[in-house]
Amino acid sequence: MEAKKKFILMADVVDSHDKDGQSLMSDFQVLVSYTNKIYSESIESPLTITLGDEFQGIVSSASIGIDIILAMEEYILEEEFDFKLRYVLYEGVVETPVNPDKAYEMLGSGLTNARKRLNEMKKDTGRFYVSTKSSTVINKMMKVTQHFIDSWHPKDRSTVSGFLQGHDYKALAKIHQKDESTLWRRRRSLAIDEYLTCKDLIHHLING
């Protein structure tokens, strides 16, 4: 069987040893299950938790991989989970048949290299790494995106999530029972529009 290049997505929890193990595992499983359900038609091998605080899977395209990464980040915000993930999206060779049920029992240089890169990232502060076409520019954009995400304080998560779900400042003002002008200023100070611009540019680059 001819080996084919696939889009491998791996991630692990940053500083998992500092978290409450039971709570972390429960929330992590919810996140992975939610993502597999939402993107079921675009995932070739489901995101599968492998070592307790890591997952791996195979997605249908680089664009879908980016969608999943950013969707997971936004779901973490929405649910106010107390952890961050480090991600690798790697286009590489998978030599064995793709397992459509679980991301187990697959071999190939793509999987090996993705795992190696994920381990190397533990020495850095970057949480996103993409290895596909135009990856140099995409990784720069992902670094800017991380800056916005990591700048949001836990107390702002519900507000940020509301904006990212499409609510305008007037609607959020009613939800949070605050003055409209306050929410208008929060949208600006939280750099919501700049974050959304980064998302658009990343998708333009990945699809270009």
N, C-alpha and C. Protein backbone atom coordinates (compact mmCIF):
# COMPACT_ATOMS: atom_id res chain seq x y z
N MET A 1 0.84 -1.20 0.00
CA MET A 1 0.00 0.00 0.00
C MET A 1 0.88 1.25 0.00
N GLU A 2 0.59 2.18 -0.91
CA GLU A 2 1.39 3.39 -1.03
C GLU A 2 1.14 4.33 0.15
N ALA A 3 2.24 4.81 0.75
CA ALA A 3 2.11 5.74 1.86
C ALA A 3 1.61 7.08 1.34
N LYS A 4 0.74 7.71 2.10
CA LYS A 4 0.17 8.99 1.68
C LYS A 4 0.39 10.05 2.75
N LYS A 5 0.46 11.29 2.28
CA LYS A 5 0.56 12.39 3.22
C LYS A 5 -0.81 12.69 3.81
N LYS A 6 -0.83 12.91 5.10
CA LYS A 6 -2.05 13.21 5.81
C LYS A 6 -1.83 14.43 6.71
N PHE A 7 -2.92 14.99 7.18
CA PHE A 7 -2.84 16.14 8.08
C PHE A 7 -3.05 15.64 9.51
N ILE A 8 -1.97 15.60 10.25
CA ILE A 8 -1.94 15.04 11.60
C ILE A 8 -2.10 16.17 12.61
N LEU A 9 -3.02 15.99 13.53
CA LEU A 9 -3.23 16.98 14.58
C LEU A 9 -2.93 16.35 15.93
N MET A 10 -1.99 16.94 16.64
CA MET A 10 -1.64 16.49 17.98
C MET A 10 -1.69 17.68 18.93
N ALA A 11 -1.95 17.42 20.20
CA ALA A 11 -1.93 18.47 21.21
C ALA A 11 -1.69 17.86 22.59
N ASP A 12 -1.15 18.67 23.48
CA ASP A 12 -1.05 18.25 24.86
C ASP A 12 -1.37 19.44 25.78
N VAL A 13 -1.63 19.14 27.03
CA VAL A 13 -1.98 20.16 28.01
C VAL A 13 -0.71 20.79 28.55
N VAL A 14 -0.67 22.11 28.54
CA VAL A 14 0.48 22.84 29.07
C VAL A 14 0.50 22.72 30.59
N ASP A 15 1.65 22.33 31.14
CA ASP A 15 1.83 22.22 32.59
C ASP A 15 0.73 21.40 33.26
N SER A 16 0.44 20.25 32.67
CA SER A 16 -0.64 19.40 33.21
C SER A 16 -0.36 18.94 34.64
N HIS A 17 0.91 18.84 35.00
CA HIS A 17 1.26 18.37 36.35
C HIS A 17 0.85 19.36 37.44
N ASP A 18 0.56 20.61 37.02
CA ASP A 18 0.14 21.62 37.99
C ASP A 18 -1.37 21.66 38.19
N LYS A 19 -2.10 20.83 37.46
CA LYS A 19 -3.56 20.85 37.51
C LYS A 19 -4.11 19.72 38.38
N ASP A 20 -5.35 19.90 38.82
CA ASP A 20 -6.05 18.81 39.50
C ASP A 20 -6.35 17.73 38.47
N GLY A 21 -5.81 16.55 38.68
CA GLY A 21 -5.88 15.50 37.68
C GLY A 21 -7.28 15.10 37.28
N GLN A 22 -8.15 14.91 38.25
CA GLN A 22 -9.51 14.44 37.96
C GLN A 22 -10.30 15.49 37.18
N SER A 23 -10.22 16.73 37.62
CA SER A 23 -10.92 17.82 36.95
C SER A 23 -10.39 18.02 35.54
N LEU A 24 -9.06 17.98 35.40
CA LEU A 24 -8.43 18.15 34.09
C LEU A 24 -8.89 17.08 33.11
N MET A 25 -8.84 15.83 33.54
CA MET A 25 -9.22 14.74 32.65
C MET A 25 -10.68 14.83 32.23
N SER A 26 -11.53 15.19 33.16
CA SER A 26 -12.95 15.31 32.84
C SER A 26 -13.19 16.40 31.79
N ASP A 27 -12.61 17.57 32.01
CA ASP A 27 -12.78 18.68 31.07
C ASP A 27 -12.12 18.39 29.73
N PHE A 28 -10.96 17.76 29.77
CA PHE A 28 -10.23 17.43 28.54
C PHE A 28 -11.04 16.45 27.69
N GLN A 29 -11.64 15.46 28.33
CA GLN A 29 -12.47 14.49 27.62
C GLN A 29 -13.70 15.16 27.01
N VAL A 30 -14.30 16.10 27.74
CA VAL A 30 -15.45 16.84 27.21
C VAL A 30 -15.04 17.61 25.96
N LEU A 31 -13.91 18.28 26.02
CA LEU A 31 -13.41 19.06 24.88
C LEU A 31 -13.17 18.19 23.65
N VAL A 32 -12.51 17.07 23.84
CA VAL A 32 -12.19 16.18 22.73
C VAL A 32 -13.47 15.56 22.14
N SER A 33 -14.37 15.13 22.99
CA SER A 33 -15.63 14.53 22.52
C SER A 33 -16.46 15.56 21.75
N TYR A 34 -16.54 16.76 22.27
CA TYR A 34 -17.27 17.84 21.60
C TYR A 34 -16.71 18.10 20.21
N THR A 35 -15.38 18.17 20.11
CA THR A 35 -14.73 18.46 18.83
C THR A 35 -14.96 17.33 17.83
N ASN A 36 -14.83 16.09 18.28
CA ASN A 36 -15.07 14.96 17.38
C ASN A 36 -16.51 14.96 16.85
N LYS A 37 -17.44 15.36 17.68
CA LYS A 37 -18.85 15.39 17.27
C LYS A 37 -19.11 16.50 16.25
N ILE A 38 -18.61 17.69 16.54
CA ILE A 38 -18.85 18.84 15.67
C ILE A 38 -18.17 18.66 14.30
N TYR A 39 -16.99 18.06 14.30
CA TYR A 39 -16.21 17.93 13.06
C TYR A 39 -16.16 16.49 12.55
N SER A 40 -17.15 15.70 12.91
CA SER A 40 -17.13 14.28 12.57
C SER A 40 -16.96 14.01 11.07
N GLU A 41 -17.52 14.86 10.23
CA GLU A 41 -17.45 14.64 8.78
C GLU A 41 -16.10 15.07 8.19
N SER A 42 -15.30 15.76 8.97
CA SER A 42 -14.03 16.27 8.47
C SER A 42 -12.82 15.64 9.16
N ILE A 43 -13.07 14.69 10.04
CA ILE A 43 -11.99 14.01 10.74
C ILE A 43 -11.87 12.58 10.22
N GLU A 44 -10.68 12.23 9.73
CA GLU A 44 -10.47 10.89 9.17
C GLU A 44 -10.20 9.85 10.25
N SER A 45 -9.49 10.28 11.28
CA SER A 45 -9.26 9.42 12.44
C SER A 45 -9.50 10.28 13.67
N PRO A 46 -10.48 9.91 14.51
CA PRO A 46 -10.94 10.79 15.59
C PRO A 46 -9.83 11.23 16.54
N LEU A 47 -9.96 12.44 17.04
CA LEU A 47 -9.04 12.89 18.07
C LEU A 47 -9.15 11.91 19.23
N THR A 48 -8.03 11.34 19.61
CA THR A 48 -8.02 10.27 20.61
C THR A 48 -7.02 10.59 21.70
N ILE A 49 -7.47 10.57 22.95
CA ILE A 49 -6.58 10.83 24.08
C ILE A 49 -5.66 9.63 24.23
N THR A 50 -4.35 9.91 24.22
CA THR A 50 -3.37 8.82 24.20
C THR A 50 -2.65 8.64 25.53
N LEU A 51 -2.20 9.73 26.14
CA LEU A 51 -1.39 9.61 27.35
C LEU A 51 -2.00 10.36 28.53
N GLY A 52 -3.30 10.51 28.53
CA GLY A 52 -3.97 11.19 29.62
C GLY A 52 -4.11 12.68 29.39
N ASP A 53 -3.00 13.33 29.00
CA ASP A 53 -3.05 14.77 28.77
C ASP A 53 -2.66 15.13 27.34
N GLU A 54 -2.77 14.17 26.41
CA GLU A 54 -2.45 14.41 25.01
C GLU A 54 -3.51 13.77 24.12
N PHE A 55 -3.65 14.30 22.90
CA PHE A 55 -4.49 13.62 21.92
C PHE A 55 -3.82 13.67 20.56
N GLN A 56 -4.24 12.79 19.68
CA GLN A 56 -3.80 12.81 18.29
C GLN A 56 -4.95 12.38 17.41
N GLY A 57 -4.91 12.80 16.16
CA GLY A 57 -5.93 12.44 15.20
C GLY A 57 -5.49 12.85 13.81
N ILE A 58 -6.30 12.51 12.82
CA ILE A 58 -6.00 12.88 11.43
C ILE A 58 -7.22 13.60 10.86
N VAL A 59 -6.98 14.78 10.31
CA VAL A 59 -8.07 15.60 9.77
C VAL A 59 -7.95 15.67 8.25
N SER A 60 -9.02 16.13 7.61
CA SER A 60 -9.10 16.04 6.15
C SER A 60 -8.30 17.08 5.40
N SER A 61 -7.96 18.20 6.05
CA SER A 61 -7.22 19.26 5.36
C SER A 61 -6.56 20.18 6.37
N ALA A 62 -5.64 20.99 5.88
CA ALA A 62 -4.98 21.97 6.75
C ALA A 62 -5.99 22.99 7.25
N SER A 63 -6.91 23.38 6.38
CA SER A 63 -7.93 24.37 6.75
C SER A 63 -8.80 23.85 7.89
N ILE A 64 -9.20 22.59 7.79
CA ILE A 64 -10.00 21.98 8.85
C ILE A 64 -9.19 21.90 10.14
N GLY A 65 -7.91 21.60 10.03
CA GLY A 65 -7.06 21.54 11.21
C GLY A 65 -7.01 22.87 11.93
N ILE A 66 -6.88 23.96 11.18
CA ILE A 66 -6.89 25.30 11.77
C ILE A 66 -8.24 25.58 12.40
N ASP A 67 -9.31 25.23 11.69
CA ASP A 67 -10.67 25.41 12.23
C ASP A 67 -10.81 24.73 13.59
N ILE A 68 -10.33 23.49 13.67
CA ILE A 68 -10.45 22.71 14.89
C ILE A 68 -9.65 23.34 16.03
N ILE A 69 -8.42 23.74 15.73
CA ILE A 69 -7.57 24.35 16.76
C ILE A 69 -8.24 25.58 17.35
N LEU A 70 -8.71 26.48 16.49
CA LEU A 70 -9.31 27.72 16.98
C LEU A 70 -10.67 27.46 17.64
N ALA A 71 -11.40 26.49 17.12
CA ALA A 71 -12.69 26.13 17.74
C ALA A 71 -12.46 25.57 19.14
N MET A 72 -11.41 24.77 19.32
CA MET A 72 -11.11 24.22 20.64
C MET A 72 -10.72 25.34 21.60
N GLU A 73 -9.92 26.29 21.11
CA GLU A 73 -9.53 27.41 21.95
C GLU A 73 -10.76 28.21 22.41
N GLU A 74 -11.69 28.40 21.49
CA GLU A 74 -12.89 29.18 21.82
C GLU A 74 -13.83 28.40 22.73
N TYR A 75 -13.85 27.08 22.57
CA TYR A 75 -14.68 26.25 23.47
C TYR A 75 -14.11 26.24 24.88
N ILE A 76 -12.79 26.22 24.99
CA ILE A 76 -12.13 26.31 26.30
C ILE A 76 -12.53 27.61 27.00
N LEU A 77 -12.59 28.69 26.22
CA LEU A 77 -13.03 29.98 26.77
C LEU A 77 -14.48 29.91 27.21
N GLU A 78 -15.32 29.38 26.31
CA GLU A 78 -16.76 29.32 26.57
C GLU A 78 -17.07 28.54 27.84
N GLU A 79 -16.39 27.40 28.01
CA GLU A 79 -16.64 26.54 29.16
C GLU A 79 -15.79 26.91 30.38
N GLU A 80 -14.89 27.89 30.17
CA GLU A 80 -14.01 28.36 31.25
C GLU A 80 -13.19 27.22 31.85
N PHE A 81 -12.65 26.36 30.97
CA PHE A 81 -11.77 25.28 31.42
C PHE A 81 -10.44 25.89 31.89
N ASP A 82 -9.88 25.29 32.93
CA ASP A 82 -8.65 25.81 33.53
C ASP A 82 -7.41 25.12 32.97
N PHE A 83 -7.23 25.17 31.65
CA PHE A 83 -6.01 24.64 31.05
C PHE A 83 -5.83 25.23 29.65
N LYS A 84 -4.61 25.15 29.17
CA LYS A 84 -4.28 25.57 27.81
C LYS A 84 -3.65 24.40 27.08
N LEU A 85 -3.80 24.40 25.77
CA LEU A 85 -3.24 23.33 24.95
C LEU A 85 -2.11 23.84 24.07
N ARG A 86 -1.24 22.92 23.74
CA ARG A 86 -0.16 23.16 22.79
C ARG A 86 -0.46 22.26 21.58
N TYR A 87 -0.47 22.82 20.37
CA TYR A 87 -0.92 22.08 19.20
C TYR A 87 0.16 21.96 18.11
N VAL A 88 0.13 20.83 17.41
CA VAL A 88 0.91 20.66 16.19
C VAL A 88 -0.03 20.17 15.09
N LEU A 89 -0.03 20.89 13.97
CA LEU A 89 -0.74 20.45 12.77
C LEU A 89 0.33 20.17 11.73
N TYR A 90 0.49 18.90 11.39
CA TYR A 90 1.64 18.47 10.60
C TYR A 90 1.20 17.68 9.37
N GLU A 91 1.63 18.12 8.21
CA GLU A 91 1.37 17.38 6.97
C GLU A 91 2.52 16.40 6.76
N GLY A 92 2.22 15.12 6.90
CA GLY A 92 3.28 14.14 6.78
C GLY A 92 2.76 12.76 6.39
N VAL A 93 3.69 11.86 6.18
CA VAL A 93 3.37 10.52 5.68
C VAL A 93 2.85 9.61 6.78
N VAL A 94 1.74 8.93 6.47
CA VAL A 94 1.22 7.85 7.32
C VAL A 94 1.30 6.58 6.48
N GLU A 95 2.10 5.63 6.93
CA GLU A 95 2.40 4.45 6.11
C GLU A 95 1.39 3.33 6.27
N THR A 96 0.67 3.33 7.36
CA THR A 96 -0.32 2.29 7.62
C THR A 96 -1.72 2.83 7.32
N PRO A 97 -2.71 1.94 7.18
CA PRO A 97 -4.08 2.41 6.95
C PRO A 97 -4.56 3.31 8.08
N VAL A 98 -5.34 4.33 7.72
CA VAL A 98 -5.89 5.25 8.71
C VAL A 98 -6.99 4.54 9.49
N ASN A 99 -6.90 4.58 10.80
CA ASN A 99 -7.90 3.95 11.65
C ASN A 99 -9.09 4.91 11.81
N PRO A 100 -10.26 4.57 11.28
CA PRO A 100 -11.40 5.49 11.32
C PRO A 100 -12.13 5.52 12.66
N ASP A 101 -11.74 4.62 13.56
CA ASP A 101 -12.43 4.52 14.86
C ASP A 101 -11.67 5.19 15.99
N LYS A 102 -10.36 4.98 16.03
CA LYS A 102 -9.51 5.60 17.03
C LYS A 102 -8.14 5.85 16.41
N ALA A 103 -7.45 6.88 16.88
CA ALA A 103 -6.14 7.21 16.32
C ALA A 103 -5.06 6.34 16.96
N TYR A 104 -5.22 5.05 16.80
CA TYR A 104 -4.27 4.07 17.31
C TYR A 104 -3.75 3.23 16.15
N GLU A 105 -2.65 2.52 16.42
CA GLU A 105 -2.13 1.50 15.50
C GLU A 105 -1.85 2.07 14.12
N MET A 106 -1.29 3.29 14.09
CA MET A 106 -0.88 3.90 12.83
C MET A 106 0.59 4.30 12.94
N LEU A 107 1.33 4.12 11.86
CA LEU A 107 2.76 4.42 11.84
C LEU A 107 3.10 5.26 10.63
N GLY A 108 4.20 5.99 10.74
CA GLY A 108 4.66 6.80 9.62
C GLY A 108 5.52 7.95 10.09
N SER A 109 6.35 8.46 9.19
CA SER A 109 7.25 9.55 9.55
C SER A 109 6.49 10.81 9.96
N GLY A 110 5.30 11.01 9.40
CA GLY A 110 4.51 12.18 9.76
C GLY A 110 4.14 12.17 11.22
N LEU A 111 3.70 11.01 11.71
CA LEU A 111 3.33 10.87 13.12
C LEU A 111 4.55 11.04 14.03
N THR A 112 5.67 10.46 13.61
CA THR A 112 6.91 10.56 14.39
C THR A 112 7.38 12.00 14.48
N ASN A 113 7.35 12.70 13.34
CA ASN A 113 7.82 14.08 13.31
C ASN A 113 6.89 15.02 14.07
N ALA A 114 5.59 14.75 13.99
CA ALA A 114 4.63 15.58 14.72
C ALA A 114 4.85 15.43 16.22
N ARG A 115 5.06 14.20 16.66
CA ARG A 115 5.31 13.93 18.08
C ARG A 115 6.62 14.60 18.54
N LYS A 116 7.62 14.52 17.70
CA LYS A 116 8.91 15.14 18.03
C LYS A 116 8.76 16.64 18.18
N ARG A 117 8.02 17.25 17.26
CA ARG A 117 7.84 18.70 17.30
C ARG A 117 7.04 19.11 18.54
N LEU A 118 6.02 18.33 18.89
CA LEU A 118 5.22 18.63 20.09
C LEU A 118 6.09 18.61 21.34
N ASN A 119 6.99 17.64 21.42
CA ASN A 119 7.89 17.56 22.57
C ASN A 119 8.87 18.73 22.60
N GLU A 120 9.33 19.15 21.42
CA GLU A 120 10.27 20.28 21.34
C GLU A 120 9.60 21.58 21.79
N MET A 121 8.30 21.70 21.56
CA MET A 121 7.58 22.91 21.93
C MET A 121 7.51 23.13 23.43
N LYS A 122 7.76 22.09 24.19
CA LYS A 122 7.71 22.22 25.65
C LYS A 122 8.83 23.10 26.18
N LYS A 123 9.83 23.36 25.34
CA LYS A 123 10.94 24.22 25.72
C LYS A 123 10.68 25.69 25.38
N ASP A 124 9.54 25.94 24.74
CA ASP A 124 9.23 27.29 24.27
C ASP A 124 7.88 27.73 24.84
N THR A 125 7.52 28.98 24.57
CA THR A 125 6.23 29.49 25.04
C THR A 125 5.14 29.41 23.97
N GLY A 126 5.55 29.09 22.74
CA GLY A 126 4.58 29.00 21.65
C GLY A 126 3.65 27.82 21.84
N ARG A 127 2.36 28.02 21.52
CA ARG A 127 1.38 26.95 21.70
C ARG A 127 0.86 26.41 20.37
N PHE A 128 1.28 27.00 19.25
CA PHE A 128 0.77 26.57 17.95
C PHE A 128 1.93 26.35 16.98
N TYR A 129 1.88 25.22 16.27
CA TYR A 129 2.88 24.98 15.22
C TYR A 129 2.18 24.31 14.05
N VAL A 130 2.35 24.90 12.88
CA VAL A 130 1.73 24.39 11.66
C VAL A 130 2.83 24.07 10.66
N SER A 131 2.81 22.87 10.10
CA SER A 131 3.78 22.48 9.09
C SER A 131 3.04 22.06 7.83
N THR A 132 2.70 23.05 7.00
CA THR A 132 2.04 22.83 5.72
C THR A 132 2.58 23.89 4.77
N LYS A 133 1.95 24.05 3.62
CA LYS A 133 2.37 25.12 2.71
C LYS A 133 2.12 26.47 3.38
N SER A 134 2.99 27.44 3.09
CA SER A 134 2.92 28.79 3.67
C SER A 134 3.02 28.76 5.19
N SER A 135 3.63 27.71 5.74
CA SER A 135 3.61 27.55 7.19
C SER A 135 4.42 28.62 7.92
N THR A 136 5.44 29.18 7.27
CA THR A 136 6.24 30.22 7.93
C THR A 136 5.38 31.42 8.29
N VAL A 137 4.61 31.91 7.32
CA VAL A 137 3.76 33.07 7.55
C VAL A 137 2.60 32.69 8.49
N ILE A 138 2.04 31.51 8.29
CA ILE A 138 0.93 31.06 9.13
C ILE A 138 1.35 30.99 10.59
N ASN A 139 2.55 30.48 10.85
CA ASN A 139 3.01 30.38 12.23
C ASN A 139 3.22 31.76 12.86
N LYS A 140 3.61 32.72 12.06
CA LYS A 140 3.72 34.08 12.58
C LYS A 140 2.34 34.62 12.96
N MET A 141 1.35 34.33 12.11
CA MET A 141 -0.01 34.77 12.41
C MET A 141 -0.57 34.04 13.63
N MET A 142 -0.23 32.77 13.76
CA MET A 142 -0.69 32.01 14.92
C MET A 142 -0.06 32.54 16.21
N LYS A 143 1.16 33.05 16.11
CA LYS A 143 1.81 33.64 17.28
C LYS A 143 1.07 34.89 17.72
N VAL A 144 0.63 35.70 16.75
CA VAL A 144 -0.15 36.90 17.07
C VAL A 144 -1.50 36.50 17.68
N THR A 145 -2.11 35.47 17.10
CA THR A 145 -3.38 34.98 17.61
C THR A 145 -3.24 34.51 19.05
N GLN A 146 -2.16 33.80 19.34
CA GLN A 146 -1.92 33.35 20.71
C GLN A 146 -1.79 34.54 21.66
N HIS A 147 -1.16 35.61 21.18
CA HIS A 147 -1.01 36.80 22.02
C HIS A 147 -2.37 37.30 22.50
N PHE A 148 -3.34 37.36 21.58
CA PHE A 148 -4.67 37.84 21.96
C PHE A 148 -5.35 36.87 22.93
N ILE A 149 -5.31 35.58 22.60
CA ILE A 149 -5.99 34.58 23.43
C ILE A 149 -5.41 34.56 24.84
N ASP A 150 -4.09 34.57 24.94
CA ASP A 150 -3.45 34.48 26.25
C ASP A 150 -3.54 35.78 27.04
N SER A 151 -3.90 36.86 26.38
CA SER A 151 -4.04 38.14 27.09
C SER A 151 -5.40 38.26 27.78
N TRP A 152 -6.35 37.39 27.42
CA TRP A 152 -7.68 37.47 28.02
C TRP A 152 -7.66 36.88 29.42
N HIS A 153 -8.02 37.70 30.39
CA HIS A 153 -8.04 37.28 31.79
C HIS A 153 -9.22 36.33 32.02
N PRO A 154 -9.07 35.36 32.93
CA PRO A 154 -10.19 34.44 33.21
C PRO A 154 -11.52 35.14 33.47
N LYS A 155 -11.49 36.30 34.11
CA LYS A 155 -12.75 37.01 34.40
C LYS A 155 -13.42 37.55 33.14
N ASP A 156 -12.66 37.62 32.04
CA ASP A 156 -13.21 38.15 30.79
C ASP A 156 -13.72 37.05 29.85
N ARG A 157 -13.58 35.79 30.26
CA ARG A 157 -13.88 34.68 29.35
C ARG A 157 -15.31 34.70 28.84
N SER A 158 -16.27 34.93 29.70
CA SER A 158 -17.67 34.91 29.27
C SER A 158 -17.96 36.05 28.31
N THR A 159 -17.33 37.20 28.53
CA THR A 159 -17.51 38.35 27.63
C THR A 159 -16.89 38.07 26.27
N VAL A 160 -15.66 37.57 26.28
CA VAL A 160 -14.98 37.24 25.03
C VAL A 160 -15.77 36.20 24.26
N SER A 161 -16.20 35.16 24.96
CA SER A 161 -16.96 34.09 24.32
C SER A 161 -18.24 34.63 23.70
N GLY A 162 -18.91 35.55 24.39
CA GLY A 162 -20.12 36.14 23.85
C GLY A 162 -19.88 36.88 22.56
N PHE A 163 -18.80 37.66 22.51
CA PHE A 163 -18.46 38.38 21.29
C PHE A 163 -18.11 37.41 20.16
N LEU A 164 -17.36 36.36 20.48
CA LEU A 164 -16.94 35.41 19.45
C LEU A 164 -18.11 34.57 18.93
N GLN A 165 -19.17 34.47 19.72
CA GLN A 165 -20.37 33.77 19.26
C GLN A 165 -21.28 34.67 18.42
N GLY A 166 -20.85 35.93 18.24
CA GLY A 166 -21.57 36.82 17.34
C GLY A 166 -22.47 37.84 18.00
N HIS A 167 -22.51 37.87 19.33
CA HIS A 167 -23.34 38.86 20.01
C HIS A 167 -22.70 40.25 19.87
N ASP A 168 -23.50 41.27 19.63
CA ASP A 168 -22.95 42.63 19.63
C ASP A 168 -22.93 43.17 21.06
N TYR A 169 -22.34 44.34 21.23
CA TYR A 169 -22.16 44.86 22.58
C TYR A 169 -23.49 45.16 23.27
N LYS A 170 -24.53 45.50 22.48
CA LYS A 170 -25.83 45.78 23.07
C LYS A 170 -26.46 44.52 23.66
N ALA A 171 -26.35 43.42 22.90
CA ALA A 171 -26.90 42.15 23.38
C ALA A 171 -26.16 41.66 24.62
N LEU A 172 -24.83 41.79 24.60
CA LEU A 172 -24.04 41.35 25.75
C LEU A 172 -24.30 42.22 26.97
N ALA A 173 -24.56 43.48 26.74
CA ALA A 173 -24.88 44.37 27.86
C ALA A 173 -26.13 43.87 28.59
N LYS A 174 -27.11 43.41 27.84
CA LYS A 174 -28.32 42.87 28.46
C LYS A 174 -28.03 41.56 29.19
N ILE A 175 -27.23 40.71 28.55
CA ILE A 175 -26.91 39.41 29.15
C ILE A 175 -26.16 39.59 30.48
N HIS A 176 -25.19 40.51 30.48
CA HIS A 176 -24.36 40.71 31.67
C HIS A 176 -24.90 41.81 32.58
N GLN A 177 -26.02 42.39 32.16
CA GLN A 177 -26.65 43.45 32.95
C GLN A 177 -25.67 44.59 33.25
N LYS A 178 -25.04 45.06 32.17
CA LYS A 178 -24.10 46.16 32.28
C LYS A 178 -24.46 47.25 31.28
N ASP A 179 -23.84 48.40 31.45
CA ASP A 179 -24.07 49.52 30.55
C ASP A 179 -23.53 49.21 29.15
N GLU A 180 -24.27 49.63 28.12
CA GLU A 180 -23.85 49.35 26.74
C GLU A 180 -22.49 49.93 26.42
N SER A 181 -22.23 51.13 26.91
CA SER A 181 -20.94 51.78 26.62
C SER A 181 -19.78 50.99 27.23
N THR A 182 -20.04 50.34 28.36
CA THR A 182 -19.01 49.52 29.01
C THR A 182 -18.63 48.35 28.12
N LEU A 183 -19.64 47.67 27.56
CA LEU A 183 -19.37 46.52 26.68
C LEU A 183 -18.75 46.96 25.36
N TRP A 184 -19.14 48.12 24.89
CA TRP A 184 -18.51 48.65 23.66
C TRP A 184 -17.02 48.86 23.87
N ARG A 185 -16.67 49.42 25.02
CA ARG A 185 -15.25 49.64 25.34
C ARG A 185 -14.53 48.32 25.57
N ARG A 186 -15.23 47.35 26.17
CA ARG A 186 -14.60 46.04 26.41
C ARG A 186 -14.26 45.35 25.10
N ARG A 187 -15.12 45.48 24.10
CA ARG A 187 -14.81 44.87 22.80
C ARG A 187 -13.51 45.43 22.25
N ARG A 188 -13.30 46.71 22.41
CA ARG A 188 -12.08 47.34 21.92
C ARG A 188 -10.88 46.93 22.76
N SER A 189 -11.01 46.98 24.07
CA SER A 189 -9.86 46.67 24.94
C SER A 189 -9.47 45.19 24.88
N LEU A 190 -10.43 44.33 24.58
CA LEU A 190 -10.14 42.90 24.46
C LEU A 190 -9.64 42.52 23.07
N ALA A 191 -9.58 43.50 22.17
CA ALA A 191 -9.06 43.30 20.80
C ALA A 191 -9.80 42.18 20.06
N ILE A 192 -11.11 42.18 20.20
CA ILE A 192 -11.92 41.14 19.55
C ILE A 192 -11.81 41.24 18.03
N ASP A 193 -11.91 42.46 17.49
CA ASP A 193 -11.84 42.62 16.04
C ASP A 193 -10.47 42.23 15.49
N GLU A 194 -9.43 42.53 16.25
CA GLU A 194 -8.08 42.16 15.81
C GLU A 194 -7.91 40.64 15.79
N TYR A 195 -8.46 39.98 16.80
CA TYR A 195 -8.42 38.51 16.83
C TYR A 195 -9.16 37.92 15.63
N LEU A 196 -10.35 38.44 15.34
CA LEU A 196 -11.13 37.93 14.22
C LEU A 196 -10.42 38.20 12.89
N THR A 197 -9.71 39.32 12.81
CA THR A 197 -8.93 39.61 11.61
C THR A 197 -7.82 38.59 11.43
N CYS A 198 -7.16 38.22 12.53
CA CYS A 198 -6.13 37.18 12.47
C CYS A 198 -6.70 35.87 11.95
N LYS A 199 -7.87 35.50 12.45
CA LYS A 199 -8.51 34.27 11.99
C LYS A 199 -8.75 34.30 10.48
N ASP A 200 -9.26 35.42 10.00
CA ASP A 200 -9.53 35.57 8.56
C ASP A 200 -8.25 35.46 7.74
N LEU A 201 -7.20 36.11 8.20
CA LEU A 201 -5.94 36.08 7.47
C LEU A 201 -5.32 34.68 7.47
N ILE A 202 -5.42 33.98 8.57
CA ILE A 202 -4.89 32.61 8.65
C ILE A 202 -5.60 31.71 7.66
N HIS A 203 -6.94 31.83 7.59
CA HIS A 203 -7.69 31.01 6.64
C HIS A 203 -7.39 31.40 5.20
N HIS A 204 -7.17 32.67 4.96
CA HIS A 204 -6.79 33.12 3.61
C HIS A 204 -5.44 32.51 3.21
N LEU A 205 -4.51 32.49 4.14
CA LEU A 205 -3.18 31.93 3.87
C LEU A 205 -3.24 30.42 3.66
N ILE A 206 -3.99 29.74 4.50
CA ILE A 206 -4.03 28.27 4.44
C ILE A 206 -4.77 27.78 3.21
N ASN A 207 -5.70 28.61 2.72
CA ASN A 207 -6.48 28.23 1.53
C ASN A 207 -5.94 28.83 0.25
N GLY A 208 -4.94 29.69 0.38
CA GLY A 208 -4.42 30.42 -0.79
C GLY A 208 -3.54 29.57 -1.69
